Amino acid sequence: MQTFFFGIWENIKQIFFWPNTLWHLSAIAVTYFIVMFGLDWNYYVATRFIDSKWWMPAGLLGFFLPVLVPIALYIFGRDRNNARILNTSFALGQAVILAYFISSIYKAFTGRIPPEFSNALVDISNGFQFGFWRGGIFNGWPSSHTTIAFAMIATLIVLYPENKKVKYLGILYALFVGLGASVGFHWLSEFIAGLIFGVLIGIVVGRSFKNRMVKSVWDNIDLIKTLQSGGVAVMPTDTLYGIIGSALNKESVERIYKIRGRDTSKPCIILIGDMNDLEKFSITLSKPQEFIIKSFTSFDSTQDIRPTSFVLDCPLDSLSYLHRGTRTLAFRIPQLAHLHDLLLKTGPLVAPSANTQGEEPAGAIIEAKKYFGDNVDVYVDGGVLYGRASKVVRLSQDGSITTIRE
């Protein structure tokens, strides 16, 4: 139960505080425009021909699905031991709670008279009763049905941006519920305001639980123990799924070459936590090299820096199991904070893409399992990845760069 409330106070603050206050002001401004120009009343009069058999299902779906879907996903996720589905159930549960809570607060203070009290002869669309609890919290502005429906769908879209079925079917569901409510028991402006509030809530909650999932992917005790003990894992990286092992453990590296069927003359890219890790490979950077690498290193999620691997000289014969006779190694410092934290715990990791030689990189954990089966010690599911391989450049002592892979 605690997970349903993960980060809830921070999410509430984000929903109400600047710059998201602009969403609230937008909902108020749009409502004012619609009411003052008589659009609520005109819409109400124009839709009186629609029978209740068309909008009643929208009301029922909008009431029952927000309760049943999170519960069903939770049961299914527990049964399948699927962390991503469980995370989705928690996120949807919180989105529903916040959507109902926030829409009810506004209703309690706006006290708007619902259209069902109209006889279609007298315009009551401007019937706000500002104060506290003058109109209760069951009717009024905004539509709770709409707010909850769009909060759920926006949450799903943030969590599953790659899933077009979730996106399009979810939007159709939310529109069906919202438009049904606007015809049956809400004003048009209440539907539009609910849409605005719902999308805002869904974005905030979806991002919160997406970050929770990302953190749980790499803050994984089994994964950390496996890598520290010389095991091999498949996990998401900052680009694609990788088949991962300690770069300082020769047996792990050779095992990855064997499992993957990789050309033994090709070195693997090595992920490191920071530039200090280069000392473990007896590599000393020049000042120009340090400057260049730092310019590609940022843990600010607002900066869009392409993952870039730097090829450096590494002439040590003792590391031939890594450089495979080329006497160079490619290193990358991932910009994802939680992956960075993992590397500080495990040390440098070799990280070729998760596929057998000549095949397409795995975009999901199920594809990686088809490639490697039981030959890997741990699989970590990070959802579907649509990234691309990192850019690879040769970085010389004078700081000059030569692109090897764009």
Protein backbone atom coordinates (compact mmCIF):
# COMPACT_ATOMS: atom_id res chain seq x y z
CA MET A 1 0.00 0.00 0.00
CA GLN A 2 2.88 2.34 0.75
CA THR A 3 4.02 2.19 -2.87
CA PHE A 4 0.72 3.66 -4.06
CA PHE A 5 1.74 6.81 -2.18
CA PHE A 6 5.32 6.87 -3.48
CA GLY A 7 6.42 10.52 -3.81
CA ILE A 8 2.82 11.71 -3.42
CA TRP A 9 3.61 14.89 -1.47
CA GLU A 10 6.27 15.90 -3.96
CA ASN A 11 3.84 15.16 -6.80
CA ILE A 12 1.12 17.29 -5.19
CA LYS A 13 3.59 20.16 -4.87
CA GLN A 14 4.58 19.82 -8.51
CA ILE A 15 0.95 19.79 -9.62
CA PHE A 16 0.13 23.04 -7.83
CA PHE A 17 3.42 24.96 -7.86
CA TRP A 18 5.00 27.00 -10.64
CA PRO A 19 5.31 26.45 -13.58
CA ASN A 20 2.46 23.92 -13.45
CA THR A 21 0.25 26.64 -11.99
CA LEU A 22 -0.14 27.69 -15.64
CA TRP A 23 -2.20 24.53 -16.26
CA HIS A 24 -4.65 25.59 -13.54
CA LEU A 25 -4.84 29.13 -14.90
CA SER A 26 -5.45 27.72 -18.39
CA ALA A 27 -8.36 25.62 -17.16
CA ILE A 28 -9.86 28.66 -15.43
CA ALA A 29 -9.33 30.91 -18.46
CA VAL A 30 -10.86 28.41 -20.90
CA THR A 31 -13.85 27.93 -18.61
CA TYR A 32 -14.36 31.70 -18.32
CA PHE A 33 -14.26 32.06 -22.10
CA ILE A 34 -16.73 29.20 -22.67
CA VAL A 35 -19.19 30.44 -20.02
CA MET A 36 -19.05 34.12 -21.02
CA PHE A 37 -19.65 33.36 -24.70
CA GLY A 38 -22.55 31.04 -23.94
CA LEU A 39 -20.84 27.95 -25.35
CA ASP A 40 -21.75 25.79 -22.35
CA TRP A 41 -25.43 26.55 -22.76
CA ASN A 42 -25.42 26.20 -26.56
CA TYR A 43 -23.65 22.84 -26.28
CA TYR A 44 -26.11 21.68 -23.65
CA VAL A 45 -29.15 22.62 -25.75
CA ALA A 46 -27.62 21.11 -28.92
CA THR A 47 -26.99 17.72 -27.28
CA ARG A 48 -30.42 17.17 -25.67
CA PHE A 49 -31.35 14.76 -28.47
CA ILE A 50 -28.69 12.24 -27.31
CA ASP A 51 -30.34 9.43 -25.39
CA SER A 52 -28.94 8.31 -22.01
CA LYS A 53 -28.13 4.87 -23.44
CA TRP A 54 -25.23 6.52 -25.25
CA TRP A 55 -23.70 8.46 -22.35
CA MET A 56 -24.62 6.21 -19.44
CA PRO A 57 -21.93 3.58 -20.34
CA ALA A 58 -19.34 6.38 -20.28
CA GLY A 59 -20.35 7.23 -16.73
CA LEU A 60 -20.21 3.61 -15.62
CA LEU A 61 -16.83 2.96 -17.29
CA GLY A 62 -15.45 6.16 -15.84
CA PHE A 63 -16.52 5.03 -12.38
CA PHE A 64 -15.53 1.35 -12.34
CA LEU A 65 -12.39 1.09 -14.54
CA PRO A 66 -10.27 3.48 -12.42
CA VAL A 67 -10.88 1.15 -9.48
CA LEU A 68 -10.63 -2.19 -11.26
CA VAL A 69 -7.67 -1.59 -13.59
CA PRO A 70 -5.02 -0.77 -10.91
CA ILE A 71 -6.22 -3.71 -8.80
CA ALA A 72 -6.16 -6.11 -11.77
CA LEU A 73 -2.67 -4.97 -12.80
CA TYR A 74 -1.43 -5.36 -9.25
CA ILE A 75 -2.74 -8.95 -9.03
CA PHE A 76 -1.35 -9.79 -12.48
CA GLY A 77 2.02 -8.20 -11.70
CA ARG A 78 2.33 -10.09 -8.42
CA ASP A 79 1.39 -13.36 -10.11
CA ARG A 80 3.96 -12.86 -12.90
CA ASN A 81 6.53 -11.22 -10.63
CA ASN A 82 6.68 -8.39 -13.18
CA ALA A 83 8.12 -5.22 -11.63
CA ARG A 84 7.05 -2.99 -14.53
CA ILE A 85 3.39 -4.03 -14.34
CA LEU A 86 3.41 -3.60 -10.56
CA ASN A 87 4.90 -0.14 -10.98
CA THR A 88 2.14 0.66 -13.47
CA SER A 89 -0.56 -0.44 -11.03
CA PHE A 90 0.90 1.81 -8.32
CA ALA A 91 1.17 4.75 -10.71
CA LEU A 92 -2.41 4.40 -11.94
CA GLY A 93 -3.67 4.04 -8.39
CA GLN A 94 -1.98 7.27 -7.34
CA ALA A 95 -3.13 9.09 -10.49
CA VAL A 96 -6.74 8.12 -9.71
CA ILE A 97 -6.42 9.21 -6.07
CA LEU A 98 -4.90 12.59 -6.95
CA ALA A 99 -7.33 13.22 -9.80
CA TYR A 100 -10.32 12.58 -7.55
CA PHE A 101 -8.81 14.58 -4.68
CA ILE A 102 -7.90 17.63 -6.78
CA SER A 103 -11.15 17.73 -8.77
CA SER A 104 -13.13 17.41 -5.52
CA ILE A 105 -11.26 20.33 -3.94
CA TYR A 106 -12.15 22.57 -6.86
CA LYS A 107 -15.77 21.40 -6.74
CA ALA A 108 -15.99 22.16 -3.04
CA PHE A 109 -15.00 25.79 -3.65
CA THR A 110 -16.75 26.50 -6.97
CA GLY A 111 -20.14 24.95 -6.17
CA ARG A 112 -21.32 24.96 -9.76
CA ILE A 113 -24.92 24.05 -10.49
CA PRO A 114 -25.00 20.95 -12.73
CA PRO A 115 -26.95 20.97 -16.02
CA GLU A 116 -29.33 18.26 -14.83
CA PHE A 117 -31.18 20.93 -12.81
CA SER A 118 -32.01 22.84 -15.99
CA ASN A 119 -35.27 22.51 -17.87
CA ALA A 120 -33.52 23.61 -21.10
CA LEU A 121 -35.47 26.88 -20.98
CA VAL A 122 -33.44 28.93 -18.52
CA ASP A 123 -29.67 29.34 -18.93
CA ILE A 124 -28.01 28.35 -15.64
CA SER A 125 -24.56 27.63 -17.10
CA ASN A 126 -23.07 30.57 -15.20
CA GLY A 127 -24.39 29.26 -11.89
CA PHE A 128 -21.25 29.17 -9.77
CA GLN A 129 -21.70 29.29 -5.98
CA PHE A 130 -18.24 30.32 -4.82
CA GLY A 131 -17.49 29.58 -1.20
CA PHE A 132 -17.04 26.27 0.57
CA TRP A 133 -19.24 23.23 0.16
CA ARG A 134 -22.12 25.17 -1.38
CA GLY A 135 -22.54 22.60 -4.11
CA GLY A 136 -20.87 19.54 -2.56
CA ILE A 137 -18.14 17.58 -4.36
CA PHE A 138 -20.16 15.19 -6.52
CA ASN A 139 -21.34 17.70 -9.13
CA GLY A 140 -19.55 20.71 -10.51
CA TRP A 141 -16.31 22.02 -11.98
CA PRO A 142 -14.21 20.20 -13.15
CA SER A 143 -15.57 16.82 -14.23
CA SER A 144 -14.03 14.15 -11.96
CA HIS A 145 -14.83 11.44 -14.51
CA THR A 146 -12.81 13.32 -17.13
CA THR A 147 -9.98 14.28 -14.79
CA ILE A 148 -9.51 10.69 -13.65
CA ALA A 149 -9.76 9.21 -17.17
CA PHE A 150 -7.17 11.58 -18.65
CA ALA A 151 -4.90 11.27 -15.59
CA MET A 152 -4.81 7.50 -16.09
CA ILE A 153 -4.14 7.70 -19.81
CA ALA A 154 -1.48 10.42 -19.51
CA THR A 155 0.24 8.28 -16.86
CA LEU A 156 0.24 5.25 -19.19
CA ILE A 157 1.58 7.28 -22.11
CA VAL A 158 4.48 8.56 -19.99
CA LEU A 159 5.25 5.02 -18.76
CA TYR A 160 4.80 3.34 -22.16
CA PRO A 161 5.71 5.94 -24.82
CA GLU A 162 6.61 3.16 -27.25
CA ASN A 163 3.19 1.46 -27.10
CA LYS A 164 0.92 2.93 -29.77
CA LYS A 165 -2.05 0.73 -28.76
CA VAL A 166 -1.95 2.09 -25.21
CA LYS A 167 -1.72 5.63 -26.56
CA TYR A 168 -4.55 5.54 -29.09
CA LEU A 169 -6.97 3.22 -27.29
CA GLY A 170 -6.36 5.11 -24.05
CA ILE A 171 -7.12 8.47 -25.63
CA LEU A 172 -10.31 7.05 -27.18
CA TYR A 173 -11.38 5.73 -23.76
CA ALA A 174 -10.72 9.06 -22.04
CA LEU A 175 -12.58 11.00 -24.75
CA PHE A 176 -15.51 8.58 -24.54
CA VAL A 177 -15.76 9.05 -20.78
CA GLY A 178 -15.25 12.82 -20.91
CA LEU A 179 -17.61 13.53 -23.79
CA GLY A 180 -20.19 11.17 -22.29
CA ALA A 181 -19.99 13.14 -19.05
CA SER A 182 -20.31 16.44 -20.93
CA VAL A 183 -23.52 15.25 -22.57
CA GLY A 184 -25.05 13.51 -19.60
CA PHE A 185 -24.22 15.27 -16.34
CA HIS A 186 -21.53 17.95 -16.84
CA TRP A 187 -21.11 21.18 -18.74
CA LEU A 188 -18.75 21.31 -21.71
CA SER A 189 -16.29 23.53 -19.84
CA GLU A 190 -16.15 21.00 -16.99
CA PHE A 191 -15.09 18.33 -19.47
CA ILE A 192 -12.36 20.57 -20.93
CA ALA A 193 -11.10 21.63 -17.50
CA GLY A 194 -11.05 17.98 -16.41
CA LEU A 195 -9.00 17.13 -19.51
CA ILE A 196 -6.44 19.82 -18.64
CA PHE A 197 -6.17 18.81 -14.99
CA GLY A 198 -6.06 15.10 -15.86
CA VAL A 199 -3.21 15.48 -18.35
CA LEU A 200 -1.22 17.54 -15.84
CA ILE A 201 -1.73 14.97 -13.06
CA GLY A 202 -0.87 12.08 -15.37
CA ILE A 203 2.35 13.70 -16.58
CA VAL A 204 3.54 14.44 -13.04
CA VAL A 205 2.63 11.01 -11.64
CA GLY A 206 3.89 9.16 -14.73
CA ARG A 207 7.29 10.85 -14.56
CA SER A 208 7.55 10.16 -10.84
CA PHE A 209 6.90 6.44 -11.23
CA LYS A 210 9.03 6.22 -14.36
CA ASN A 211 11.96 7.55 -12.33
CA ARG A 212 11.08 5.07 -9.59
CA MET A 213 11.24 2.23 -12.12
CA VAL A 214 14.53 3.47 -13.57
CA LYS A 215 16.05 3.62 -10.10
CA SER A 216 14.81 0.13 -9.23
CA VAL A 217 16.33 -1.27 -12.44
CA TRP A 218 19.90 -0.46 -11.37
CA ASP A 219 19.45 -0.33 -7.60
CA ASN A 220 19.08 -4.10 -7.68
CA ILE A 221 20.87 -6.16 -5.02
CA ASP A 222 20.98 -9.33 -7.14
CA LEU A 223 22.42 -7.39 -10.07
CA ILE A 224 25.08 -5.68 -7.95
CA LYS A 225 26.13 -8.93 -6.24
CA THR A 226 26.28 -10.77 -9.57
CA LEU A 227 28.53 -8.17 -11.18
CA GLN A 228 30.76 -7.79 -8.12
CA SER A 229 31.27 -11.57 -7.99
CA GLY A 230 32.26 -11.85 -11.65
CA GLY A 231 28.87 -12.89 -13.04
CA VAL A 232 27.23 -11.85 -16.29
CA ALA A 233 23.97 -9.91 -16.57
CA VAL A 234 21.70 -8.45 -19.21
CA MET A 235 20.37 -5.02 -18.30
CA PRO A 236 19.39 -1.69 -19.86
CA THR A 237 22.19 0.84 -20.31
CA ASP A 238 22.09 4.47 -21.37
CA THR A 239 21.67 3.34 -24.99
CA LEU A 240 20.45 -0.24 -25.48
CA TYR A 241 20.23 -3.47 -23.55
CA GLY A 242 23.74 -4.74 -22.87
CA ILE A 243 25.29 -8.02 -21.82
CA ILE A 244 27.37 -6.86 -18.89
CA GLY A 245 30.32 -8.06 -16.81
CA SER A 246 33.21 -6.67 -14.81
CA ALA A 247 35.90 -5.20 -17.05
CA LEU A 248 38.51 -6.06 -14.42
CA ASN A 249 37.59 -9.76 -14.41
CA LYS A 250 39.15 -11.59 -17.35
CA GLU A 251 36.94 -14.65 -16.95
CA SER A 252 33.80 -12.51 -17.09
CA VAL A 253 34.98 -10.77 -20.23
CA GLU A 254 35.89 -14.02 -22.00
CA ARG A 255 32.57 -15.53 -20.97
CA ILE A 256 30.72 -12.62 -22.59
CA TYR A 257 32.65 -13.10 -25.83
CA LYS A 258 31.67 -16.78 -25.80
CA ILE A 259 28.00 -16.23 -24.95
CA ARG A 260 27.62 -13.50 -27.53
CA GLY A 261 29.67 -15.20 -30.21
CA ARG A 262 31.53 -11.92 -30.63
CA ASP A 263 34.46 -11.49 -32.98
CA THR A 264 37.41 -12.00 -30.61
CA SER A 265 39.44 -9.30 -32.35
CA LYS A 266 36.95 -6.55 -31.49
CA PRO A 267 37.21 -4.80 -28.10
CA CYS A 268 34.08 -4.06 -26.09
CA ILE A 269 33.04 -0.60 -24.89
CA ILE A 270 33.62 -0.12 -21.16
CA LEU A 271 31.26 1.85 -18.92
CA ILE A 272 32.92 3.78 -16.11
CA GLY A 273 31.56 5.81 -13.20
CA ASP A 274 33.92 8.75 -13.62
CA MET A 275 37.32 9.65 -15.05
CA ASN A 276 39.09 8.35 -11.94
CA ASP A 277 38.23 4.83 -13.11
CA LEU A 278 40.69 5.27 -15.99
CA GLU A 279 43.53 4.89 -13.48
CA LYS A 280 42.53 1.21 -13.14
CA PHE A 281 43.60 0.83 -16.77
CA SER A 282 46.81 2.85 -16.25
CA ILE A 283 45.44 5.63 -18.46
CA THR A 284 46.37 9.23 -17.67
CA LEU A 285 44.46 11.92 -19.50
CA SER A 286 46.01 15.09 -20.88
CA LYS A 287 44.34 18.40 -20.01
CA PRO A 288 42.73 18.69 -23.47
CA GLN A 289 41.34 15.13 -23.15
CA GLU A 290 39.92 15.89 -19.69
CA PHE A 291 38.23 19.03 -21.03
CA ILE A 292 36.63 17.19 -23.94
CA ILE A 293 35.32 14.31 -21.82
CA LYS A 294 33.92 16.69 -19.19
CA SER A 295 32.05 18.58 -21.90
CA PHE A 296 30.22 15.34 -22.73
CA THR A 297 29.47 14.55 -19.10
CA SER A 298 26.38 15.93 -17.38
CA PHE A 299 23.88 14.43 -14.97
CA ASP A 300 21.40 17.23 -15.66
CA SER A 301 18.37 15.45 -17.16
CA THR A 302 17.36 18.63 -19.01
CA GLN A 303 20.49 18.49 -21.17
CA ASP A 304 20.29 16.34 -24.26
CA ILE A 305 23.82 14.98 -24.70
CA ARG A 306 24.29 12.08 -27.12
CA PRO A 307 25.95 9.09 -25.37
CA THR A 308 29.54 9.15 -26.64
CA SER A 309 32.31 6.60 -26.17
CA PHE A 310 35.93 7.79 -26.29
CA VAL A 311 38.69 5.59 -27.69
CA LEU A 312 41.95 6.05 -25.74
CA ASP A 313 45.39 4.51 -25.95
CA CYS A 314 45.92 1.50 -23.67
CA PRO A 315 49.19 -0.28 -24.50
CA LEU A 316 49.39 -2.61 -21.47
CA ASP A 317 49.84 -6.27 -22.43
CA SER A 318 48.11 -7.29 -19.19
CA LEU A 319 44.89 -5.80 -20.57
CA SER A 320 45.07 -7.58 -23.91
CA TYR A 321 41.93 -9.52 -22.95
CA LEU A 322 40.18 -6.14 -23.23
CA HIS A 323 41.92 -4.34 -26.07
CA ARG A 324 42.32 -7.59 -28.08
CA GLY A 325 45.65 -6.47 -29.51
CA THR A 326 44.43 -3.07 -30.73
CA ARG A 327 46.09 -1.34 -27.72
CA THR A 328 43.14 1.03 -27.49
CA LEU A 329 39.98 0.94 -25.37
CA ALA A 330 36.65 2.75 -25.68
CA PHE A 331 35.17 4.23 -22.48
CA ARG A 332 31.85 5.90 -21.76
CA ILE A 333 30.54 7.70 -18.66
CA PRO A 334 26.73 7.22 -18.74
CA GLN A 335 24.70 10.35 -18.05
CA LEU A 336 21.94 8.50 -16.17
CA ALA A 337 22.40 9.15 -12.45
CA HIS A 338 21.18 5.74 -11.24
CA LEU A 339 23.35 3.86 -13.75
CA HIS A 340 26.24 6.05 -12.65
CA ASP A 341 25.57 5.03 -9.03
CA LEU A 342 25.63 1.36 -10.06
CA LEU A 343 29.05 1.80 -11.69
CA LEU A 344 30.44 3.37 -8.53
CA LYS A 345 29.42 0.19 -6.69
CA THR A 346 30.52 -2.40 -9.26
CA GLY A 347 33.48 -0.72 -10.93
CA PRO A 348 34.01 -0.57 -14.72
CA LEU A 349 31.77 -2.84 -16.81
CA VAL A 350 32.16 -4.16 -20.34
CA ALA A 351 28.87 -3.52 -22.13
CA PRO A 352 28.41 -4.83 -25.68
CA SER A 353 24.82 -4.78 -26.96
CA ALA A 354 22.63 -7.72 -25.99
CA ASN A 355 22.59 -9.78 -29.17
CA THR A 356 24.51 -12.61 -30.72
CA GLN A 357 26.97 -11.71 -33.46
CA GLY A 358 25.19 -10.50 -36.59
CA GLU A 359 21.71 -10.20 -35.01
CA GLU A 360 19.75 -7.08 -34.13
CA PRO A 361 20.24 -5.71 -30.57
CA ALA A 362 17.52 -6.80 -28.15
CA GLY A 363 14.93 -4.08 -27.59
CA ALA A 364 13.20 -5.97 -24.78
CA ILE A 365 14.29 -8.49 -22.16
CA ILE A 366 12.28 -11.29 -23.81
CA GLU A 367 14.38 -10.88 -26.97
CA ALA A 368 17.61 -11.07 -24.96
CA LYS A 369 16.41 -14.29 -23.33
CA LYS A 370 15.86 -15.80 -26.78
CA TYR A 371 19.47 -14.97 -27.64
CA PHE A 372 21.16 -16.12 -24.44
CA GLY A 373 18.77 -18.40 -22.53
CA ASP A 374 20.23 -19.72 -19.27
CA ASN A 375 23.79 -18.67 -20.15
CA VAL A 376 23.30 -15.35 -18.33
CA ASP A 377 23.15 -15.15 -14.54
CA VAL A 378 20.71 -12.24 -14.17
CA TYR A 379 18.22 -10.51 -16.47
CA VAL A 380 17.02 -7.04 -15.47
CA ASP A 381 13.87 -5.82 -17.19
CA GLY A 382 13.86 -2.12 -18.04
CA GLY A 383 10.93 -2.23 -20.44
CA VAL A 384 11.15 -1.73 -24.21
CA LEU A 385 14.14 0.33 -25.35
CA TYR A 386 14.31 2.19 -28.64
CA GLY A 387 17.71 3.79 -28.17
CA ARG A 388 20.65 3.55 -30.52
CA ALA A 389 24.28 2.66 -30.08
CA SER A 390 26.58 5.36 -28.74
CA LYS A 391 28.67 7.59 -30.92
CA VAL A 392 32.32 6.44 -30.92
CA VAL A 393 35.21 8.88 -31.34
CA ARG A 394 39.00 8.61 -31.17
CA LEU A 395 40.34 11.14 -28.67
CA SER A 396 43.99 12.08 -29.11
CA GLN A 397 46.33 13.57 -26.50
CA ASP A 398 45.99 17.03 -28.05
CA GLY A 399 42.19 16.87 -27.74
CA SER A 400 41.52 16.33 -31.43
CA ILE A 401 38.58 14.05 -32.26
CA THR A 402 38.15 11.58 -35.07
CA THR A 403 34.69 10.07 -35.49
CA ILE A 404 34.68 6.27 -35.78
CA ARG A 405 30.93 5.65 -35.49
CA GLU A 406 28.35 8.40 -35.90
